[in-house]
Structure formats: C-alpha cells, structure tokens
Amino acid sequence: MTRSEGEILEAIEACKEGDHGAFRMLYDSYKNSLFAICLRYVSNRMEAEDMLQEAFILIFKNISSYDSEKGSFYTWSSKIVVNTILGKLRKNKPLLVFQEQVPKTEHSSVDLPIHDLSMKELVQQIQSLPEGYRRIFNMYVIDGMKHREIAKEMDISVSTSKTQLMYAKRAMQKKISEMHNYSQVK
C-alpha cells in the first residue's frame, strides 16, 4: 500500500516520539525500495538483507535528525543505506582495482536498448560487474556521487575512480549489447 506524504510525515513524527507502530509502517513502506539499493551493491541476498537491517537500525536511531524541508524521507534514508553499505564493504572487502582492458564496443551508450531491459535485468547486469566496477558504477551513475567523494570513500585516487568508471561503463555496454543480440537471435 502506497502511503501519502502526509501519512509518512505523521509516521516520522510518531517515530520521533518512540511509536513502534510508526517504525513498522515506515519499514513496510520503504523496505523494498531500500533493499533494491542493497542488491545493486551486493548480489548475495543474505548480505543485502543484513545491510538493510543495519541501515534501518541507523535510520530509526537517527530519525530525530530528519528534516522534511531538506528533502524527502526516501532521499534521506537512501543516503543512510548507501553509507551503511559502503562502510560495510570497505570494512569487509577492500576495493579491488581491475587493470584489465575491456574492449570498446561498437555501439555508443545511446544506441544500446536499455529501455528494453526490465529493472530486474538491469540490476542483474550491474550485479554481474566485478566488485570494483560495480561499486564505482553505483556510486557515480546511480547514487550521483562525484569522483572526489568516491576517491575519498574508497581510499583511491580520483583518476582511479574515473578509470574504473570508464571500464565499468564499457563492461555494461558490452553486457547489454550481448544481451540484446542474444534476445534478437531467440
């Protein structure tokens, strides 16, 4: 059930007062969309569920700092989710920088049939990227972080961030192109 903005804001205020029912309503309203963020970074569902759980603990612990005039609850909570994921990945799995050359594709990204992909197919393609590519691709393309922020977060240079993004984009182009060519053959 989709909640109105007014219902969400009322629930947030109730959460600030310690209302557990309001916590549950917010959790139920946002768990799927925030879980999708977790799945973009890790392909293991159990690991993604753990990350989501940790993020929700932080969301509810810090809900008193949420200010609706600075942005939507989804935007605020998704930043907490991304920061939780990145912190856990940094702690458990240091970023591996790939030096392999990904061949250039014949198509530009404009020519690729991304609009033909379902969200599930797109997430699967992102999940299939090597770890380093996936993290930087998500941070830059999906989460809108700048290379300077990525470099600081991942403890890499700005040029490494840019290079890894270029390789990730090429790999995505190749995967989507191959996927499109395969579906045309069927």
Protein backbone atom coordinates (compact mmCIF):
# COMPACT_ATOMS: atom_id res chain seq x y z
CA MET A 1 0.00 0.00 0.00
CA THR A 2 1.40 3.38 -1.00
CA ARG A 3 1.33 5.98 1.73
CA SER A 4 0.72 9.68 1.17
CA GLU A 5 3.40 12.20 2.02
CA GLY A 6 1.23 13.40 4.91
CA GLU A 7 1.00 9.87 6.35
CA ILE A 8 4.75 9.44 6.05
CA LEU A 9 5.43 12.75 7.81
CA GLU A 10 2.97 11.83 10.58
CA ALA A 11 4.70 8.47 11.00
CA ILE A 12 8.11 10.16 11.18
CA GLU A 13 6.87 12.47 13.93
CA ALA A 14 5.40 9.47 15.77
CA CYS A 15 8.75 7.66 15.41
CA LYS A 16 10.47 10.64 16.98
CA GLU A 17 8.14 10.10 19.94
CA GLY A 18 9.08 6.40 20.11
CA ASP A 19 5.96 4.91 18.47
CA HIS A 20 6.92 1.37 17.41
CA GLY A 21 3.86 1.00 15.17
CA ALA A 22 5.04 4.03 13.20
CA PHE A 23 8.50 2.45 12.88
CA ARG A 24 6.86 -0.63 11.42
CA MET A 25 4.80 1.41 8.96
CA LEU A 26 7.90 3.25 7.70
CA TYR A 27 9.80 -0.02 7.46
CA ASP A 28 6.99 -1.64 5.47
CA SER A 29 6.70 1.41 3.22
CA TYR A 30 10.40 1.63 2.33
CA LYS A 31 11.90 -1.85 2.77
CA ASN A 32 11.55 -2.91 -0.88
CA SER A 33 12.97 0.24 -2.46
CA LEU A 34 15.86 0.40 0.04
CA PHE A 35 16.53 -3.32 -0.39
CA ALA A 36 16.88 -2.71 -4.13
CA ILE A 37 19.73 -0.31 -3.34
CA CYS A 38 21.46 -3.04 -1.32
CA LEU A 39 21.09 -5.50 -4.19
CA ARG A 40 22.80 -3.09 -6.58
CA TYR A 41 25.94 -3.27 -4.45
CA VAL A 42 25.96 -6.94 -3.46
CA SER A 43 24.50 -9.92 -5.27
CA ASN A 44 24.17 -12.11 -2.19
CA ARG A 45 20.60 -11.67 -0.86
CA MET A 46 21.53 -12.56 2.73
CA GLU A 47 24.31 -10.00 2.74
CA ALA A 48 21.93 -7.42 1.26
CA GLU A 49 19.34 -8.23 3.95
CA ASP A 50 21.97 -7.77 6.68
CA MET A 51 22.97 -4.42 5.22
CA LEU A 52 19.33 -3.31 5.02
CA GLN A 53 18.78 -4.32 8.65
CA GLU A 54 21.84 -2.35 9.78
CA ALA A 55 20.70 0.65 7.74
CA PHE A 56 17.20 0.58 9.26
CA ILE A 57 18.69 0.50 12.74
CA LEU A 58 20.63 3.66 11.87
CA ILE A 59 17.59 5.25 10.21
CA PHE A 60 15.46 4.77 13.30
CA LYS A 61 18.29 5.67 15.67
CA ASN A 62 18.81 8.97 13.81
CA ILE A 63 15.26 9.76 12.76
CA SER A 64 15.17 12.81 15.01
CA SER A 65 17.73 14.43 12.68
CA TYR A 66 15.47 14.06 9.62
CA ASP A 67 14.24 17.43 8.32
CA SER A 68 11.48 17.27 5.70
CA GLU A 69 12.41 20.74 4.43
CA LYS A 70 15.82 19.45 3.29
CA GLY A 71 14.45 16.56 1.23
CA SER A 72 12.22 13.53 1.14
CA PHE A 73 12.42 10.75 3.66
CA TYR A 74 13.35 8.35 0.87
CA THR A 75 16.33 10.50 -0.17
CA TRP A 76 17.49 10.87 3.42
CA SER A 77 17.11 7.18 4.23
CA SER A 78 18.68 6.04 0.94
CA LYS A 79 21.82 8.04 1.79
CA ILE A 80 21.99 6.19 5.10
CA VAL A 81 21.59 2.88 3.26
CA VAL A 82 24.37 3.71 0.78
CA ASN A 83 26.70 4.89 3.55
CA THR A 84 25.97 1.71 5.55
CA ILE A 85 26.70 -0.46 2.52
CA LEU A 86 29.92 1.37 1.67
CA GLY A 87 31.12 1.23 5.26
CA LYS A 88 30.46 -2.49 5.48
CA LEU A 89 32.07 -3.19 2.09
CA ARG A 90 35.11 -1.10 2.98
CA LYS A 91 35.47 -2.95 6.28
CA ASN A 92 34.91 -6.46 4.90
CA LYS A 93 36.09 -6.29 1.30
CA PRO A 94 38.72 -3.79 0.27
CA LEU A 95 38.17 -2.40 -3.21
CA LEU A 96 39.94 -4.39 -5.88
CA VAL A 97 41.06 -2.20 -8.74
CA PHE A 98 40.89 -4.01 -12.07
CA GLN A 99 43.55 -3.26 -14.63
CA GLU A 100 42.13 -5.44 -17.39
CA GLN A 101 41.25 -3.78 -20.63
CA VAL A 102 37.60 -4.03 -21.51
CA PRO A 103 37.28 -3.96 -25.27
CA LYS A 104 35.50 -0.98 -26.74
CA THR A 105 32.06 -1.77 -28.03
CA GLU A 106 30.89 -0.83 -31.47
CA HIS A 107 27.82 0.91 -30.09
CA SER A 108 27.63 4.12 -28.14
CA SER A 109 25.55 4.05 -24.98
CA VAL A 110 22.82 5.92 -26.83
CA ASP A 111 22.47 3.04 -29.31
CA LEU A 112 22.03 0.41 -26.62
CA PRO A 113 18.48 -0.84 -25.95
CA ILE A 114 18.46 -0.04 -22.22
CA HIS A 115 14.79 0.88 -22.48
CA ASP A 116 14.12 -2.77 -23.41
CA LEU A 117 15.55 -4.02 -20.10
CA SER A 118 13.39 -4.58 -17.06
CA MET A 119 14.64 -3.20 -13.75
CA LYS A 120 15.42 -6.78 -12.70
CA GLU A 121 17.55 -7.34 -15.81
CA LEU A 122 19.38 -4.05 -15.31
CA VAL A 123 20.14 -4.88 -11.66
CA GLN A 124 21.36 -8.34 -12.72
CA GLN A 125 23.74 -6.74 -15.21
CA ILE A 126 25.04 -4.34 -12.56
CA GLN A 127 25.45 -7.24 -10.10
CA SER A 128 27.49 -9.17 -12.65
CA LEU A 129 30.14 -6.45 -12.86
CA PRO A 130 33.40 -7.10 -10.99
CA GLU A 131 33.27 -5.74 -7.43
CA GLY A 132 35.34 -2.60 -8.04
CA TYR A 133 33.48 -1.66 -11.20
CA ARG A 134 30.12 -2.29 -9.53
CA ARG A 135 30.85 -0.11 -6.52
CA ILE A 136 32.08 2.84 -8.54
CA PHE A 137 29.34 2.46 -11.17
CA ASN A 138 26.68 2.50 -8.44
CA MET A 139 28.24 5.40 -6.57
CA TYR A 140 28.70 7.58 -9.64
CA VAL A 141 25.89 6.66 -12.03
CA ILE A 142 23.10 5.64 -9.67
CA ASP A 143 23.84 7.47 -6.41
CA GLY A 144 25.19 10.65 -8.02
CA MET A 145 28.44 10.89 -6.11
CA LYS A 146 31.36 12.87 -7.56
CA HIS A 147 34.73 11.27 -8.28
CA ARG A 148 36.31 13.22 -5.43
CA GLU A 149 33.75 11.76 -2.99
CA ILE A 150 34.22 8.26 -4.39
CA ALA A 151 38.00 8.53 -4.14
CA LYS A 152 37.78 9.62 -0.51
CA GLU A 153 35.19 6.97 0.36
CA MET A 154 37.11 4.15 -1.34
CA ASP A 155 40.61 5.39 -0.46
CA ILE A 156 41.66 5.54 -4.11
CA SER A 157 42.79 8.37 -6.37
CA VAL A 158 40.34 10.46 -8.39
CA SER A 159 41.95 9.20 -11.61
CA THR A 160 41.47 5.58 -10.49
CA SER A 161 37.80 6.32 -9.85
CA LYS A 162 37.43 7.82 -13.32
CA THR A 163 39.27 4.94 -14.98
CA GLN A 164 37.25 2.30 -13.14
CA LEU A 165 34.03 4.08 -14.12
CA MET A 166 35.11 4.10 -17.76
CA TYR A 167 35.84 0.36 -17.60
CA ALA A 168 32.53 -0.27 -15.81
CA LYS A 169 30.59 1.64 -18.47
CA ARG A 170 32.33 -0.30 -21.23
CA ALA A 171 31.59 -3.58 -19.49
CA MET A 172 27.94 -2.59 -19.09
CA GLN A 173 27.76 -1.58 -22.76
CA LYS A 174 29.19 -4.95 -23.75
CA LYS A 175 26.83 -6.89 -21.47
CA ILE A 176 23.74 -5.02 -22.63
CA SER A 177 24.77 -5.26 -26.25
CA GLU A 178 25.37 -9.03 -25.93
CA MET A 179 22.09 -9.42 -24.11
CA HIS A 180 20.27 -7.52 -26.86
CA ASN A 181 21.97 -9.55 -29.61
CA TYR A 182 21.09 -12.78 -27.80
CA SER A 183 17.42 -11.79 -27.43
CA GLN A 184 17.24 -10.97 -31.15
CA VAL A 185 18.53 -14.46 -32.01
CA LYS A 186 15.86 -16.22 -29.89
